């Protein structure tokens, strides 16, 4: 394992996730037989229903029992199995460089994305990746090869936070670039214009993509543990603010909880999965908990 890859793919984390897998919750499109249900019908695997016969159909797929009962020609259809594509979108705006420990929100997202890529491509599913601030910056097309893990790790090695967040426009742009339905996982703190974000999400949902938000926040952003006179420096806005944290703690926590609750409610309304991620939790524990909960929600065949 190269030094760059080992930086973002911890063997201890992989050992925790040895039997974990990423599954598509909803129907996905695919090019070849794989592990997930497809919305398209062919003539293999599992019986799904009938459709009316049209000239040119192969008569070997006629259901003669239906014909003898109804005198109607009907073709048997079967549900195919298919691979899926997962698109990872990583926020590299300046607010993502915050961290109360050495693990900033961006570094945490890098580790999550690399580990997810490994878990997905090892099961012959495809992963694509995009990074963004006010616009899309880096775009790696989806691949099913393990080489994608190396490419993503190499990209992350030089990825630094820049600029502000323009996530709504980014999602709309990305929706125009990608083709068939898949899973879009967005890793961000989602500090930005909420209405614009929801418009971007709705554009992805309009195209029937499954959308998952990994809402990445530092533990201190969630708990506001600061004591004594403290200077807070803006990352995406100019200026700083010197204050006594005890005087503003409750107001801050109320606003933060309202921000999270509003985002979660709007995600629920659009059938989007909202996953709150605290960077104080190890990536292995976070992913294991998430993948286990996801598996429980995936319809069993």
Protein backbone atom coordinates (compact mmCIF):
# COMPACT_ATOMS: atom_id res chain seq x y z
CA UNK A 1 0.00 0.00 0.00
CA UNK A 2 1.47 3.36 -1.01
CA UNK A 3 2.17 5.96 1.69
CA UNK A 4 -0.45 8.28 0.18
CA UNK A 5 -3.12 5.58 0.14
CA UNK A 6 -2.29 4.38 3.66
CA UNK A 7 -2.78 7.96 4.86
CA UNK A 8 -6.46 7.82 3.94
CA UNK A 9 -7.14 4.07 4.15
CA UNK A 10 -6.37 2.93 7.67
CA UNK A 11 -6.00 -0.90 7.95
CA UNK A 12 -7.64 -0.77 11.39
CA UNK A 13 -10.67 0.94 9.91
CA UNK A 14 -10.83 -1.62 7.09
CA UNK A 15 -10.69 -4.47 9.60
CA UNK A 16 -13.76 -3.00 11.33
CA UNK A 17 -15.57 -2.93 7.99
CA UNK A 18 -14.41 -6.34 6.74
CA UNK A 19 -17.95 -7.60 6.11
CA UNK A 20 -19.65 -4.27 5.48
CA UNK A 21 -21.12 -3.36 2.11
CA UNK A 22 -22.86 -0.41 0.50
CA UNK A 23 -26.23 -1.29 -1.04
CA UNK A 24 -28.61 0.75 -3.15
CA UNK A 25 -31.81 1.49 -1.22
CA UNK A 26 -33.89 2.19 -4.26
CA UNK A 27 -33.91 0.79 -7.78
CA UNK A 28 -30.81 1.64 -9.80
CA UNK A 29 -29.82 1.32 -13.41
CA UNK A 30 -26.96 -0.90 -14.49
CA UNK A 31 -25.01 -2.12 -17.45
CA UNK A 32 -24.38 -5.68 -16.33
CA UNK A 33 -25.54 -8.31 -13.87
CA UNK A 34 -24.54 -7.38 -10.35
CA UNK A 35 -26.00 -7.25 -6.86
CA UNK A 36 -28.82 -4.69 -6.99
CA UNK A 37 -32.36 -4.63 -8.36
CA UNK A 38 -32.83 -2.79 -11.63
CA UNK A 39 -35.88 -0.78 -12.79
CA UNK A 40 -35.46 -2.29 -16.25
CA UNK A 41 -36.80 -5.63 -17.27
CA UNK A 42 -35.14 -8.37 -19.25
CA UNK A 43 -35.50 -12.11 -19.41
CA UNK A 44 -33.32 -13.35 -16.58
CA UNK A 45 -33.12 -13.86 -12.83
CA UNK A 46 -36.48 -13.26 -11.04
CA UNK A 47 -40.05 -13.14 -12.41
CA UNK A 48 -41.50 -9.62 -12.16
CA UNK A 49 -44.75 -9.58 -14.17
CA UNK A 50 -46.28 -9.47 -17.66
CA UNK A 51 -46.60 -7.04 -20.53
CA UNK A 52 -48.60 -7.23 -23.72
CA UNK A 53 -46.99 -9.04 -26.67
CA UNK A 54 -45.93 -6.84 -29.59
CA UNK A 55 -44.79 -8.09 -33.03
CA UNK A 56 -41.08 -8.85 -32.97
CA UNK A 57 -40.99 -10.19 -29.40
CA UNK A 58 -39.37 -13.58 -28.97
CA UNK A 59 -42.28 -16.05 -28.69
CA UNK A 60 -40.34 -18.27 -26.31
CA UNK A 61 -41.17 -15.71 -23.61
CA UNK A 62 -44.93 -15.95 -24.18
CA UNK A 63 -46.91 -17.09 -21.16
CA UNK A 64 -49.22 -19.74 -22.63
CA UNK A 65 -51.11 -20.14 -19.37
CA UNK A 66 -52.23 -16.53 -19.60
CA UNK A 67 -53.19 -17.09 -23.25
CA UNK A 68 -55.32 -20.17 -22.50
CA UNK A 69 -57.11 -18.34 -19.69
CA UNK A 70 -57.63 -14.98 -21.37
CA UNK A 71 -56.84 -15.48 -25.06
CA UNK A 72 -54.40 -12.62 -24.67
CA UNK A 73 -50.75 -12.81 -25.68
CA UNK A 74 -48.50 -11.75 -22.78
CA UNK A 75 -44.73 -11.68 -22.40
CA UNK A 76 -43.15 -12.79 -19.13
CA UNK A 77 -40.77 -10.21 -17.63
CA UNK A 78 -38.02 -10.74 -15.09
CA UNK A 79 -36.26 -8.42 -12.72
CA UNK A 80 -32.60 -8.04 -13.54
CA UNK A 81 -29.77 -7.62 -11.12
CA UNK A 82 -27.44 -4.70 -11.74
CA UNK A 83 -24.47 -2.74 -10.45
CA UNK A 84 -24.83 0.80 -9.18
CA UNK A 85 -22.85 4.01 -9.42
CA UNK A 86 -22.02 6.05 -6.33
CA UNK A 87 -21.02 9.70 -6.77
CA UNK A 88 -19.08 11.28 -3.90
CA UNK A 89 -19.14 15.08 -3.70
CA UNK A 90 -16.65 16.63 -1.26
CA UNK A 91 -16.94 20.21 0.01
CA UNK A 92 -13.49 21.87 0.00
CA UNK A 93 -14.61 25.36 0.99
CA UNK A 94 -12.77 27.25 3.72
CA UNK A 95 -15.20 26.38 6.51
CA UNK A 96 -14.19 22.73 6.07
CA UNK A 97 -10.68 23.48 7.32
CA UNK A 98 -12.00 23.93 10.88
CA UNK A 99 -11.10 21.31 13.45
CA UNK A 100 -10.71 21.37 17.22
CA UNK A 101 -8.13 18.57 16.80
CA UNK A 102 -5.69 17.73 14.02
CA UNK A 103 -8.58 16.07 12.15
CA UNK A 104 -10.32 18.90 10.30
CA UNK A 105 -13.73 18.40 8.73
CA UNK A 106 -12.13 18.17 5.29
CA UNK A 107 -9.58 15.56 6.42
CA UNK A 108 -12.40 13.55 7.97
CA UNK A 109 -14.34 13.72 4.69
CA UNK A 110 -11.25 12.56 2.76
CA UNK A 111 -10.91 9.49 4.97
CA UNK A 112 -14.62 8.67 4.70
CA UNK A 113 -14.61 9.05 0.91
CA UNK A 114 -11.52 6.87 0.41
CA UNK A 115 -12.89 4.13 2.65
CA UNK A 116 -16.31 4.18 0.97
CA UNK A 117 -14.66 4.02 -2.45
CA UNK A 118 -12.74 0.92 -1.39
CA UNK A 119 -15.86 -0.78 0.01
CA UNK A 120 -17.87 -0.07 -3.13
CA UNK A 121 -15.39 -0.93 -5.90
CA UNK A 122 -14.35 -4.18 -4.25
CA UNK A 123 -17.91 -5.38 -4.99
CA UNK A 124 -17.66 -4.36 -8.65
CA UNK A 125 -19.77 -1.22 -8.26
CA UNK A 126 -18.58 2.13 -9.59
CA UNK A 127 -17.49 5.29 -7.79
CA UNK A 128 -17.09 8.77 -9.20
CA UNK A 129 -15.88 11.80 -7.27
CA UNK A 130 -16.19 15.56 -7.41
CA UNK A 131 -14.78 18.31 -5.19
CA UNK A 132 -16.29 21.78 -4.95
CA UNK A 133 -16.29 25.18 -3.33
CA UNK A 134 -18.23 27.83 -5.24
CA UNK A 135 -18.05 25.56 -8.29
CA UNK A 136 -17.03 22.06 -9.27
CA UNK A 137 -13.23 21.83 -9.11
CA UNK A 138 -12.12 18.22 -9.61
CA UNK A 139 -14.22 15.54 -11.29
CA UNK A 140 -13.20 11.88 -11.56
CA UNK A 141 -15.54 9.82 -13.75
CA UNK A 142 -16.98 6.63 -12.22
CA UNK A 143 -14.82 3.51 -12.31
CA UNK A 144 -15.24 0.00 -10.93
CA UNK A 145 -11.48 -0.58 -10.80
CA UNK A 146 -9.49 -0.57 -7.56
CA UNK A 147 -7.27 1.99 -9.29
CA UNK A 148 -9.99 4.54 -8.46
CA UNK A 149 -9.05 4.25 -4.79
CA UNK A 150 -5.45 5.23 -5.63
CA UNK A 151 -6.57 8.10 -7.89
CA UNK A 152 -8.82 9.53 -5.18
CA UNK A 153 -6.09 9.26 -2.54
CA UNK A 154 -3.65 11.04 -4.86
CA UNK A 155 -6.17 13.81 -5.51
CA UNK A 156 -6.79 14.23 -1.77
CA UNK A 157 -3.07 14.56 -1.03
CA UNK A 158 -3.00 18.04 -2.60
CA UNK A 159 -6.60 19.09 -1.88
CA UNK A 160 -6.74 22.27 0.20
CA UNK A 161 -9.72 24.36 1.38
CA UNK A 162 -10.40 27.44 -0.74
CA UNK A 163 -13.14 29.99 -1.29
CA UNK A 164 -16.74 29.96 -0.09
CA UNK A 165 -19.47 27.35 -0.62
CA UNK A 166 -21.80 27.50 -3.62
CA UNK A 167 -23.35 24.09 -3.10
CA UNK A 168 -26.75 24.64 -4.73
CA UNK A 169 -25.27 25.67 -8.07
CA UNK A 170 -22.72 22.87 -7.81
CA UNK A 171 -25.40 20.19 -7.38
CA UNK A 172 -27.37 21.55 -10.33
CA UNK A 173 -24.20 21.52 -12.46
CA UNK A 174 -23.29 18.00 -11.37
CA UNK A 175 -26.82 16.73 -12.07
CA UNK A 176 -26.42 17.87 -15.68
CA UNK A 177 -23.11 16.00 -16.01
CA UNK A 178 -24.07 12.58 -14.71
CA UNK A 179 -26.18 10.10 -16.60
CA UNK A 180 -28.06 7.13 -15.28
CA UNK A 181 -29.54 6.93 -11.83
CA UNK A 182 -27.30 6.23 -8.88
CA UNK A 183 -26.40 7.29 -5.36
CA UNK A 184 -25.06 10.79 -4.73
CA UNK A 185 -23.34 11.22 -1.35
CA UNK A 186 -22.53 14.83 -0.42
CA UNK A 187 -19.98 15.45 2.35
CA UNK A 188 -20.16 18.98 3.72
CA UNK A 189 -20.91 21.10 6.78
CA UNK A 190 -23.67 22.68 4.63
CA UNK A 191 -22.91 26.20 5.84
CA UNK A 192 -24.39 28.28 3.05
CA UNK A 193 -27.67 29.28 1.46
CA UNK A 194 -30.24 26.70 2.53
CA UNK A 195 -32.76 27.44 -0.23
CA UNK A 196 -30.08 27.08 -2.90
CA UNK A 197 -28.99 23.77 -1.37
CA UNK A 198 -32.54 22.41 -1.47
CA UNK A 199 -32.97 23.45 -5.10
CA UNK A 200 -29.81 21.53 -5.98
CA UNK A 201 -31.01 18.48 -4.06
CA UNK A 202 -34.41 18.63 -5.73
CA UNK A 203 -32.68 18.71 -9.13
CA UNK A 204 -30.90 15.45 -8.27
CA UNK A 205 -34.11 13.89 -6.94
CA UNK A 206 -35.96 14.97 -10.09
CA UNK A 207 -33.57 12.72 -12.00
CA UNK A 208 -34.34 9.92 -9.52
CA UNK A 209 -30.90 9.85 -7.94
CA UNK A 210 -30.73 8.60 -4.38
CA UNK A 211 -29.23 11.43 -2.33
CA UNK A 212 -27.40 11.11 1.00
CA UNK A 213 -26.04 14.04 3.02
CA UNK A 214 -23.09 13.36 5.30
CA UNK A 215 -23.45 16.43 7.50
CA UNK A 216 -19.91 16.73 8.88
CA UNK A 217 -19.45 18.89 11.97
CA UNK A 218 -16.68 19.19 14.52
CA UNK A 219 -17.60 18.22 18.08
CA UNK A 220 -16.94 21.77 19.30
CA UNK A 221 -19.39 23.11 16.71
CA UNK A 222 -22.02 20.82 18.20
CA UNK A 223 -21.25 21.43 21.89
CA UNK A 224 -19.61 24.89 21.99
CA UNK A 225 -17.34 24.02 24.94
CA UNK A 226 -15.26 27.22 24.88
CA UNK A 227 -14.47 29.01 28.14
CA UNK A 228 -12.99 32.43 28.93
CA UNK A 229 -12.54 35.40 26.62
CA UNK A 230 -12.25 33.93 23.10
CA UNK A 231 -11.63 35.40 19.68
CA UNK A 232 -13.64 33.69 16.91
CA UNK A 233 -12.20 34.16 13.40
CA UNK A 234 -14.44 33.87 10.34
CA UNK A 235 -13.32 31.33 7.73
CA UNK A 236 -15.63 32.26 4.85
CA UNK A 237 -16.53 35.75 6.07
CA UNK A 238 -14.23 38.64 6.87
CA UNK A 239 -13.46 39.76 10.38
CA UNK A 240 -13.41 38.21 13.84
CA UNK A 241 -15.39 38.45 17.05
CA UNK A 242 -14.03 38.70 20.60
CA UNK A 243 -16.54 37.55 23.19
CA UNK A 244 -17.21 35.63 26.39
CA UNK A 245 -18.53 32.21 25.21
CA UNK A 246 -20.66 31.71 28.32
CA UNK A 247 -22.76 34.73 27.28
CA UNK A 248 -23.67 33.36 23.86
CA UNK A 249 -23.53 29.56 24.37
CA UNK A 250 -27.26 28.89 24.68
CA UNK A 251 -28.16 31.20 21.80
CA UNK A 252 -25.51 29.52 19.65
CA UNK A 253 -26.69 25.99 20.52
CA UNK A 254 -30.32 26.94 19.83
CA UNK A 255 -29.37 28.26 16.39
CA UNK A 256 -27.16 25.24 15.61
CA UNK A 257 -29.88 22.76 16.62
CA UNK A 258 -32.44 24.67 14.58
CA UNK A 259 -30.08 24.63 11.58
CA UNK A 260 -29.66 20.84 11.85
CA UNK A 261 -33.37 20.18 12.46
CA UNK A 262 -34.44 22.35 9.51
CA UNK A 263 -32.04 20.56 7.18
CA UNK A 264 -33.19 17.15 8.43
CA UNK A 265 -36.89 18.00 8.00
CA UNK A 266 -36.37 19.25 4.45
CA UNK A 267 -34.34 16.15 3.63
CA UNK A 268 -37.16 13.96 4.91
CA UNK A 269 -39.65 15.90 2.79
CA UNK A 270 -37.56 15.19 -0.33
CA UNK A 271 -36.77 11.54 0.53
CA UNK A 272 -33.14 12.41 1.13
CA UNK A 273 -31.06 10.73 3.82
CA UNK A 274 -29.49 13.09 6.37
CA UNK A 275 -26.60 11.63 8.38
CA UNK A 276 -25.14 13.82 11.12
CA UNK A 277 -21.41 13.09 11.45
CA UNK A 278 -19.41 14.16 14.51
CA UNK A 279 -15.69 14.20 13.74
CA UNK A 280 -14.90 13.01 17.27
CA UNK A 281 -16.25 9.59 16.25
CA UNK A 282 -13.77 7.39 14.40
CA UNK A 283 -14.45 6.85 10.71
CA UNK A 284 -14.70 3.09 11.25
CA UNK A 285 -17.38 3.37 13.94
CA UNK A 286 -19.23 6.02 11.98
CA UNK A 287 -19.33 3.97 8.77
CA UNK A 288 -20.19 0.72 10.52
CA UNK A 289 -23.13 2.34 12.27
CA UNK A 290 -24.31 3.99 9.08
CA UNK A 291 -23.98 0.91 6.85
CA UNK A 292 -25.73 -1.28 9.43
CA UNK A 293 -28.66 1.13 9.67
CA UNK A 294 -28.78 1.40 5.89
CA UNK A 295 -28.85 -2.38 5.49
CA UNK A 296 -31.89 -2.55 7.76
CA UNK A 297 -33.72 -0.10 5.49
CA UNK A 298 -32.82 -1.82 2.19
CA UNK A 299 -35.75 -3.96 0.96
CA UNK A 300 -34.83 -7.62 1.28
CA UNK A 301 -35.42 -9.92 -1.64
